[in-house]
Protein backbone atom coordinates (compact mmCIF):
# COMPACT_ATOMS: atom_id res chain seq x y z
CA UNK A 1 -4.68 50.67 -3.39
CA UNK A 2 -4.29 52.81 0.19
CA UNK A 3 -7.32 53.87 1.37
CA UNK A 4 -7.10 57.80 0.53
CA UNK A 5 -6.63 56.82 -3.02
CA UNK A 6 -9.72 54.24 -2.69
CA UNK A 7 -11.74 57.38 -1.31
CA UNK A 8 -10.52 59.82 -4.40
CA UNK A 9 -12.05 56.94 -6.44
CA UNK A 10 -15.37 55.96 -4.98
CA UNK A 11 -15.52 59.56 -4.75
CA UNK A 12 -15.13 60.57 -8.62
CA UNK A 13 -16.43 57.60 -9.51
CA UNK A 14 -20.15 58.65 -7.95
CA UNK A 15 -19.14 62.11 -10.13
CA UNK A 16 -18.95 60.29 -13.32
CA UNK A 17 -22.15 58.22 -12.60
CA UNK A 18 -23.58 61.59 -13.19
CA UNK A 19 -22.06 62.12 -16.14
CA UNK A 20 -24.68 61.56 -18.53
CA UNK A 21 -27.48 63.45 -16.49
CA UNK A 22 -29.33 66.72 -17.78
CA UNK A 23 -29.79 69.33 -14.57
CA UNK A 24 -33.32 68.56 -14.70
CA UNK A 25 -32.27 64.69 -13.64
CA UNK A 26 -31.40 65.30 -10.47
CA UNK A 27 -34.94 66.46 -8.76
CA UNK A 28 -37.14 63.83 -9.09
CA UNK A 29 -38.42 61.55 -6.59
CA UNK A 30 -41.29 58.93 -7.79
CA UNK A 31 -41.53 57.49 -4.63
CA UNK A 32 -40.54 57.28 -0.85
CA UNK A 33 -38.24 54.67 -1.98
CA UNK A 34 -36.49 56.16 -4.81
CA UNK A 35 -34.37 59.28 -3.66
CA UNK A 36 -33.07 62.27 -6.14
CA UNK A 37 -30.08 62.04 -7.36
CA UNK A 38 -28.72 65.05 -5.33
CA UNK A 39 -29.95 63.83 -2.34
CA UNK A 40 -27.71 60.55 -3.16
CA UNK A 41 -24.40 62.99 -3.98
CA UNK A 42 -25.28 65.23 -1.18
CA UNK A 43 -26.06 62.51 1.63
CA UNK A 44 -22.92 61.10 0.83
CA UNK A 45 -20.59 64.09 1.30
CA UNK A 46 -23.14 64.77 4.34
CA UNK A 47 -22.10 61.50 6.20
CA UNK A 48 -18.27 62.66 5.30
CA UNK A 49 -18.63 65.66 7.17
CA UNK A 50 -20.80 64.54 10.12
CA UNK A 51 -18.71 61.49 10.96
CA UNK A 52 -15.56 62.78 10.32
CA UNK A 53 -14.59 66.23 9.57
CA UNK A 54 -16.65 67.44 12.39
CA UNK A 55 -15.34 65.40 15.03
CA UNK A 56 -11.47 64.91 13.68
CA UNK A 57 -10.66 68.01 11.53
CA UNK A 58 -9.74 71.23 14.16
CA UNK A 59 -11.32 74.60 13.08
CA UNK A 60 -13.46 72.99 10.54
CA UNK A 61 -16.46 75.21 8.74
CA UNK A 62 -19.58 73.13 7.48
CA UNK A 63 -20.52 74.09 4.41
CA UNK A 64 -24.02 75.24 5.41
CA UNK A 65 -25.97 74.64 8.85
CA UNK A 66 -29.20 73.46 6.85
CA UNK A 67 -27.63 71.01 5.42
CA UNK A 68 -27.49 68.46 8.28
CA UNK A 69 -31.34 68.78 8.27
CA UNK A 70 -31.62 68.29 4.87
CA UNK A 71 -29.27 65.22 4.18
CA UNK A 72 -29.12 63.17 7.23
CA UNK A 73 -31.02 59.88 6.30
CA UNK A 74 -32.11 58.30 9.57
CA UNK A 75 -29.53 58.80 12.09
CA UNK A 76 -31.50 60.06 15.27
CA UNK A 77 -28.79 60.39 17.27
CA UNK A 78 -27.59 63.49 14.69
CA UNK A 79 -30.75 65.21 15.04
CA UNK A 80 -34.24 65.64 13.34
CA UNK A 81 -34.44 65.52 9.53
CA UNK A 82 -36.42 65.89 7.04
CA UNK A 83 -39.23 63.70 5.75
CA UNK A 84 -38.19 61.10 3.31
CA UNK A 85 -40.92 61.40 0.75
CA UNK A 86 -40.00 65.25 0.56
CA UNK A 87 -36.56 65.04 -0.59
CA UNK A 88 -37.62 65.41 -4.14
CA UNK A 89 -39.33 68.83 -3.81
CA UNK A 90 -36.21 70.38 -2.09
CA UNK A 91 -35.35 72.26 -5.75
CA UNK A 92 -32.68 74.55 -2.98
CA UNK A 93 -29.85 74.21 -2.28
CA UNK A 94 -29.16 74.22 -6.37
CA UNK A 95 -27.59 71.38 -7.84
CA UNK A 96 -24.69 73.44 -8.19
CA UNK A 97 -24.50 74.28 -4.61
CA UNK A 98 -24.09 70.71 -3.85
CA UNK A 99 -21.69 70.15 -6.07
CA UNK A 100 -19.87 73.27 -4.14
CA UNK A 101 -20.36 71.20 -1.05
CA UNK A 102 -18.73 67.93 -2.49
CA UNK A 103 -15.97 70.16 -3.42
CA UNK A 104 -15.83 71.58 0.13
CA UNK A 105 -15.76 68.52 1.82
CA UNK A 106 -13.68 66.70 -0.24
CA UNK A 107 -10.67 69.53 0.21
CA UNK A 108 -11.10 69.41 4.01
CA UNK A 109 -10.96 65.49 3.92
CA UNK A 110 -7.48 66.16 2.18
CA UNK A 111 -6.52 68.60 5.24
CA UNK A 112 -7.70 65.95 7.43
CA UNK A 113 -6.04 62.90 5.82
CA UNK A 114 -2.58 65.40 6.26
CA UNK A 115 -3.21 66.07 9.74
CA UNK A 116 -4.48 62.89 11.75
CA UNK A 117 -3.30 59.62 12.07
CA UNK A 118 -4.90 57.64 9.35
CA UNK A 119 -5.55 54.62 12.10
CA UNK A 120 -7.63 57.46 14.25
CA UNK A 121 -10.04 57.65 11.50
CA UNK A 122 -9.33 54.36 9.47
CA UNK A 123 -12.61 52.64 10.59
CA UNK A 124 -15.25 55.49 9.99
CA UNK A 125 -13.52 56.29 6.67
CA UNK A 126 -14.02 52.56 5.61
CA UNK A 127 -17.46 52.74 6.57
CA UNK A 128 -17.96 56.00 4.66
CA UNK A 129 -16.58 54.65 1.46
CA UNK A 130 -18.46 51.22 1.53
CA UNK A 131 -21.47 54.19 2.42
CA UNK A 132 -20.91 55.51 -0.47
CA UNK A 133 -20.27 53.04 -3.03
CA UNK A 134 -24.03 51.68 -1.59
CA UNK A 135 -25.38 54.93 -2.68
CA UNK A 136 -23.40 54.52 -6.29
CA UNK A 137 -25.66 51.48 -6.84
CA UNK A 138 -29.00 53.19 -5.21
CA UNK A 139 -28.14 56.05 -7.67
CA UNK A 140 -28.90 53.95 -10.71
CA UNK A 141 -31.52 52.03 -9.15
CA UNK A 142 -33.56 54.83 -7.61
CA UNK A 143 -32.48 57.03 -11.30
CA UNK A 144 -34.24 54.12 -12.94
CA UNK A 145 -37.81 53.98 -11.35
CA UNK A 146 -37.78 57.98 -11.85
CA UNK A 147 -37.25 57.50 -15.30
CA UNK A 148 -39.52 54.60 -15.83
CA UNK A 149 -42.66 56.88 -14.82
CA UNK A 150 -41.75 59.40 -17.57
CA UNK A 151 -43.75 58.07 -20.74
CA UNK A 152 -41.57 58.48 -23.44
CA UNK A 153 -38.76 56.39 -21.70
CA UNK A 154 -35.53 58.48 -20.95
CA UNK A 155 -32.01 56.91 -21.98
CA UNK A 156 -29.60 56.93 -19.34
CA UNK A 157 -26.78 55.92 -21.31
CA UNK A 158 -26.25 53.35 -24.22
CA UNK A 159 -25.17 50.16 -23.36
CA UNK A 160 -26.49 50.62 -19.82
CA UNK A 161 -29.17 48.29 -19.56
CA UNK A 162 -27.87 46.26 -16.75
CA UNK A 163 -30.55 43.44 -17.30
CA UNK A 164 -29.11 41.54 -20.18
CA UNK A 165 -27.09 39.15 -18.80
CA UNK A 166 -27.53 35.30 -19.75
CA UNK A 167 -27.02 32.27 -17.41
CA UNK A 168 -23.47 30.91 -18.37
CA UNK A 169 -24.15 27.66 -15.91
CA UNK A 170 -26.82 24.50 -15.68
CA UNK A 171 -27.29 21.70 -13.09
CA UNK A 172 -27.47 22.23 -9.53
CA UNK A 173 -24.98 22.30 -6.85
CA UNK A 174 -25.17 19.74 -3.83
CA UNK A 175 -24.88 21.07 -0.32
CA UNK A 176 -24.24 17.82 2.14
CA UNK A 177 -26.05 17.80 5.61
CA UNK A 178 -23.69 19.07 8.33
CA UNK A 179 -22.40 22.01 10.05
CA UNK A 180 -20.85 24.97 8.58
CA UNK A 181 -19.05 28.27 9.40
CA UNK A 182 -20.67 30.93 8.07
CA UNK A 183 -20.35 34.88 8.54
CA UNK A 184 -17.51 37.16 7.41
CA UNK A 185 -13.61 36.21 8.77
CA UNK A 186 -10.76 38.33 7.39
CA UNK A 187 -8.73 41.02 7.47
CA UNK A 188 -10.71 43.34 5.06
CA UNK A 189 -13.97 45.55 5.07
CA UNK A 190 -17.10 44.38 6.29
CA UNK A 191 -20.38 45.46 7.74
CA UNK A 192 -21.16 44.90 11.67
CA UNK A 193 -24.68 42.67 10.13
CA UNK A 194 -21.76 40.00 8.64
CA UNK A 195 -20.48 39.43 12.03
CA UNK A 196 -19.99 37.26 14.23
CA UNK A 197 -18.84 34.29 12.18
CA UNK A 198 -20.71 31.03 13.45
CA UNK A 199 -21.42 27.69 12.82
CA UNK A 200 -24.81 26.39 11.22
CA UNK A 201 -26.60 23.11 10.79
CA UNK A 202 -27.87 22.58 7.15
CA UNK A 203 -29.75 19.81 5.65
CA UNK A 204 -28.79 17.98 2.08
CA UNK A 205 -30.25 20.41 -0.58
CA UNK A 206 -29.77 21.28 -4.04
CA UNK A 207 -29.28 25.04 -5.06
CA UNK A 208 -29.26 25.72 -9.00
CA UNK A 209 -26.44 27.20 -10.35
CA UNK A 210 -28.32 29.22 -13.20
CA UNK A 211 -31.01 31.76 -12.25
CA UNK A 212 -34.35 32.23 -13.53
CA UNK A 213 -34.88 33.75 -16.72
CA UNK A 214 -37.61 36.43 -18.40
CA UNK A 215 -38.81 33.43 -20.42
CA UNK A 216 -39.21 31.30 -17.38
CA UNK A 217 -40.84 33.92 -15.38
CA UNK A 218 -43.20 34.30 -18.56
CA UNK A 219 -44.19 30.86 -18.05
CA UNK A 220 -45.26 31.55 -14.75
CA UNK A 221 -47.47 34.37 -16.02
CA UNK A 222 -48.87 32.58 -18.87
CA UNK A 223 -50.21 29.75 -16.18
CA UNK A 224 -51.69 32.48 -14.49
CA UNK A 225 -49.54 32.55 -11.34
CA UNK A 226 -50.76 36.10 -10.33
CA UNK A 227 -54.12 34.54 -10.26
CA UNK A 228 -53.55 31.62 -8.10
CA UNK A 229 -53.48 32.31 -4.36
CA UNK A 230 -52.49 28.70 -3.37
CA UNK A 231 -48.89 30.00 -4.72
CA UNK A 232 -48.74 33.44 -2.95
CA UNK A 233 -48.02 34.10 1.09
CA UNK A 234 -51.11 35.88 2.51
CA UNK A 235 -49.51 39.45 2.63
CA UNK A 236 -47.80 38.55 -0.90
CA UNK A 237 -51.68 37.94 -2.37
CA UNK A 238 -53.08 41.53 -0.64
CA UNK A 239 -50.04 43.09 -1.82
CA UNK A 240 -50.71 41.94 -5.57
CA UNK A 241 -54.26 42.67 -5.29
CA UNK A 242 -54.06 45.69 -3.74
CA UNK A 243 -51.44 47.00 -5.82
CA UNK A 244 -53.03 45.45 -9.38
CA UNK A 245 -49.50 43.55 -9.92
CA UNK A 246 -49.65 41.47 -12.85
CA UNK A 247 -46.27 40.98 -14.08
CA UNK A 248 -42.62 41.94 -12.76
CA UNK A 249 -41.69 46.01 -12.37
CA UNK A 250 -40.20 47.69 -15.80
CA UNK A 251 -42.12 44.79 -18.27
CA UNK A 252 -44.78 46.36 -20.68
CA UNK A 253 -46.65 44.51 -23.22
CA UNK A 254 -47.35 46.22 -26.07
CA UNK A 255 -48.81 44.74 -29.59
CA UNK A 256 -48.79 41.06 -28.21
CA UNK A 257 -45.08 41.59 -27.46
CA UNK A 258 -43.06 41.74 -24.26
CA UNK A 259 -40.54 44.80 -23.45
CA UNK A 260 -39.06 46.13 -20.41
CA UNK A 261 -37.90 49.80 -19.66
CA UNK A 262 -34.09 49.63 -18.94
CA UNK A 263 -31.36 52.46 -18.51
CA UNK A 264 -30.80 52.35 -22.09
CA UNK A 265 -34.61 53.19 -22.53
CA UNK A 266 -37.58 50.62 -23.63
CA UNK A 267 -36.24 47.05 -25.08
CA UNK A 268 -37.46 43.98 -26.43
CA UNK A 269 -37.82 41.47 -23.17
CA UNK A 270 -34.88 38.71 -24.01
CA UNK A 271 -36.57 35.65 -22.39
CA UNK A 272 -32.65 33.82 -22.40
CA UNK A 273 -31.48 36.96 -19.92
CA UNK A 274 -31.78 36.47 -15.84
CA UNK A 275 -35.10 38.15 -14.33
CA UNK A 276 -34.70 41.08 -12.62
CA UNK A 277 -36.75 43.28 -10.22
CA UNK A 278 -38.74 40.49 -8.61
CA UNK A 279 -39.94 40.92 -4.89
CA UNK A 280 -39.62 38.57 -2.23
CA UNK A 281 -43.40 37.95 -2.66
CA UNK A 282 -43.20 37.33 -6.48
CA UNK A 283 -39.92 34.88 -5.80
CA UNK A 284 -41.52 32.99 -3.35
CA UNK A 285 -44.67 32.55 -5.35
CA UNK A 286 -42.65 31.50 -8.41
CA UNK A 287 -40.47 28.89 -6.06
CA UNK A 288 -43.96 27.25 -5.37
CA UNK A 289 -45.03 27.01 -8.71
CA UNK A 290 -41.94 25.36 -9.40
CA UNK A 291 -42.23 23.10 -6.82
CA UNK A 292 -39.09 24.38 -5.28
CA UNK A 293 -38.04 26.70 -2.58
CA UNK A 294 -35.62 29.88 -2.04
CA UNK A 295 -32.61 29.07 -0.40
CA UNK A 296 -31.62 30.20 2.77
CA UNK A 297 -29.04 32.78 3.57
CA UNK A 298 -26.44 29.91 4.90
CA UNK A 299 -27.21 27.68 1.94
CA UNK A 300 -26.66 30.32 -0.54
CA UNK A 301 -23.33 31.06 1.62
CA UNK A 302 -21.93 27.41 1.58
CA UNK A 303 -23.07 26.98 -2.01
CA UNK A 304 -22.20 30.01 -3.64
CA UNK A 305 -18.29 28.69 -4.02
CA UNK A 306 -19.44 26.75 -6.57
CA UNK A 307 -21.64 28.70 -8.74
CA UNK A 308 -21.48 32.39 -10.72
CA UNK A 309 -23.39 35.31 -8.75
CA UNK A 310 -23.12 38.71 -9.37
CA UNK A 311 -25.15 39.98 -11.81
CA UNK A 312 -28.53 39.87 -9.40
CA UNK A 313 -29.24 40.12 -6.06
CA UNK A 314 -30.47 36.71 -5.00
CA UNK A 315 -33.81 36.31 -2.51
CA UNK A 316 -33.47 34.30 -0.12
CA UNK A 317 -36.00 32.61 2.66
CA UNK A 318 -33.94 34.12 5.33
CA UNK A 319 -35.15 36.80 7.17
CA UNK A 320 -33.07 39.69 8.45
CA UNK A 321 -32.03 39.35 11.91
CA UNK A 322 -28.68 39.48 14.27
CA UNK A 323 -26.11 36.74 13.88
CA UNK A 324 -25.73 34.80 17.42
CA UNK A 325 -23.23 37.18 19.19
CA UNK A 326 -23.56 40.67 17.08
CA UNK A 327 -22.81 43.35 19.33
CA UNK A 328 -24.27 46.68 17.81
CA UNK A 329 -21.84 49.39 17.42
CA UNK A 330 -21.98 52.06 20.11
CA UNK A 331 -23.19 55.80 18.53
CA UNK A 332 -24.60 57.04 15.79
CA UNK A 333 -23.00 54.46 13.51
CA UNK A 334 -24.27 51.89 15.59
CA UNK A 335 -28.33 52.97 13.79
CA UNK A 336 -26.68 51.90 10.43
CA UNK A 337 -27.73 48.10 10.37
CA UNK A 338 -29.28 47.08 13.57
CA UNK A 339 -31.73 48.93 14.08
CA UNK A 340 -33.40 47.65 10.66
CA UNK A 341 -33.43 44.18 12.21
CA UNK A 342 -37.44 43.90 11.70
CA UNK A 343 -39.91 42.80 8.94
CA UNK A 344 -36.86 42.64 6.11
CA UNK A 345 -35.74 39.79 4.16
CA UNK A 346 -32.24 38.74 3.28
CA UNK A 347 -30.81 38.95 -0.48
CA UNK A 348 -27.20 37.83 -1.17
CA UNK A 349 -24.76 38.23 -4.02
CA UNK A 350 -24.67 41.68 -5.63
CA UNK A 351 -25.82 43.09 -9.12
CA UNK A 352 -24.89 44.74 -12.16
CA UNK A 353 -25.39 48.07 -10.51
CA UNK A 354 -23.17 47.19 -7.60
CA UNK A 355 -19.84 49.39 -7.63
CA UNK A 356 -16.69 47.12 -8.41
CA UNK A 357 -15.15 45.50 -4.58
CA UNK A 358 -18.26 46.37 -3.10
CA UNK A 359 -19.39 42.87 -3.12
CA UNK A 360 -18.40 39.19 -0.66
CA UNK A 361 -20.26 35.88 -0.08
CA UNK A 362 -20.95 36.89 3.42
CA UNK A 363 -22.64 40.42 2.18
CA UNK A 364 -26.04 40.63 3.39
CA UNK A 365 -28.10 43.06 1.98
CA UNK A 366 -32.13 43.62 2.90
CA UNK A 367 -35.47 45.20 2.26
CA UNK A 368 -39.24 45.11 2.69
CA UNK A 369 -40.55 41.94 0.70
CA UNK A 370 -42.61 43.87 -1.55
CA UNK A 371 -39.65 46.05 -2.82
CA UNK A 372 -39.49 45.57 -6.67
CA UNK A 373 -37.01 48.21 -7.67
CA UNK A 374 -33.64 46.74 -6.75
CA UNK A 375 -31.36 44.09 -9.41
CA UNK A 376 -33.01 41.31 -7.88
CA UNK A 377 -33.95 37.70 -9.40
CA UNK A 378 -34.47 34.28 -8.12
CA UNK A 379 -31.66 31.24 -7.92
CA UNK A 380 -34.04 28.37 -6.98
CA UNK A 381 -33.23 25.67 -4.64
CA UNK A 382 -34.71 21.88 -3.19
CA UNK A 383 -34.26 19.86 -0.05
CA UNK A 384 -34.53 16.56 -3.05
């Protein structure tokens, strides 16, 4: 598929995700980390307008002069922006106007494809497409969080729980001590934080072929896992006590039975299903309880050829840092990944919310260790 067709398909898929929504669903923002649907569909449009149309389409007329302030996310080089926590209080522009904005930019992009050599804009266009795919996943995770605050447990779509996967593999993958190549290599798209490809030394280890299940995590809870300080990193222990965390996000107990909130409403907890919505702190505590550990991101990358992955983002014990030889791109695009290489942990793989074609073994996702709202689970490792 050529890149113009990919652009059209990705833009259309964002609108497909919005089809089950009511107008009122576009606005709420339940937390600083969970942006409204309206903001996501406007921000992804803003990206193409700002980085491509304004720079490469002669005589392009921006849709609205205020949209740069409203829909810029974190690009300081582009200018000031509204506070992240205030994205949900913007009742204006209307959802209708945001849809008109998307149409305006899409029409201008078609003109750009006709008038400018694709080679000139190809790198930025690739980033824009992959950026929108990232926000398609965020649209679902943020929508789920916003819905979860509603006591009537609203339904997004039948059959869209995204938390029903059960393990199909058992046992362990053995990784022998030695030097391995890690990082992206090839002709396809990759983000700058996946470079440069380099050597790492790994010790002998084993990594589980299966992910931790809800039932296994229930055992942790029943064994007072959230009450035993010796299992927790110090910051994690402070976090669960300050926030009153006693179980995974979206788990609810009623009449002695466990349920979990999903995108198809409140459903009974399937103990055989793979665990989801776990923070790094919880993943590390569970690993300690099991007498095991989380794999490093490099162990995960090497071993991932030998196990199934893709239903859950998977926690690693690796801090999000630059690879040897990493070079941050110049200009505003350089703010995409490099400036976040501090106080965050790497997750590997993909999730059921990740769009098709937007995952690879070298992909490095990253979040602060207290974040639970992503579809993240646990794969255990050991030195034994």
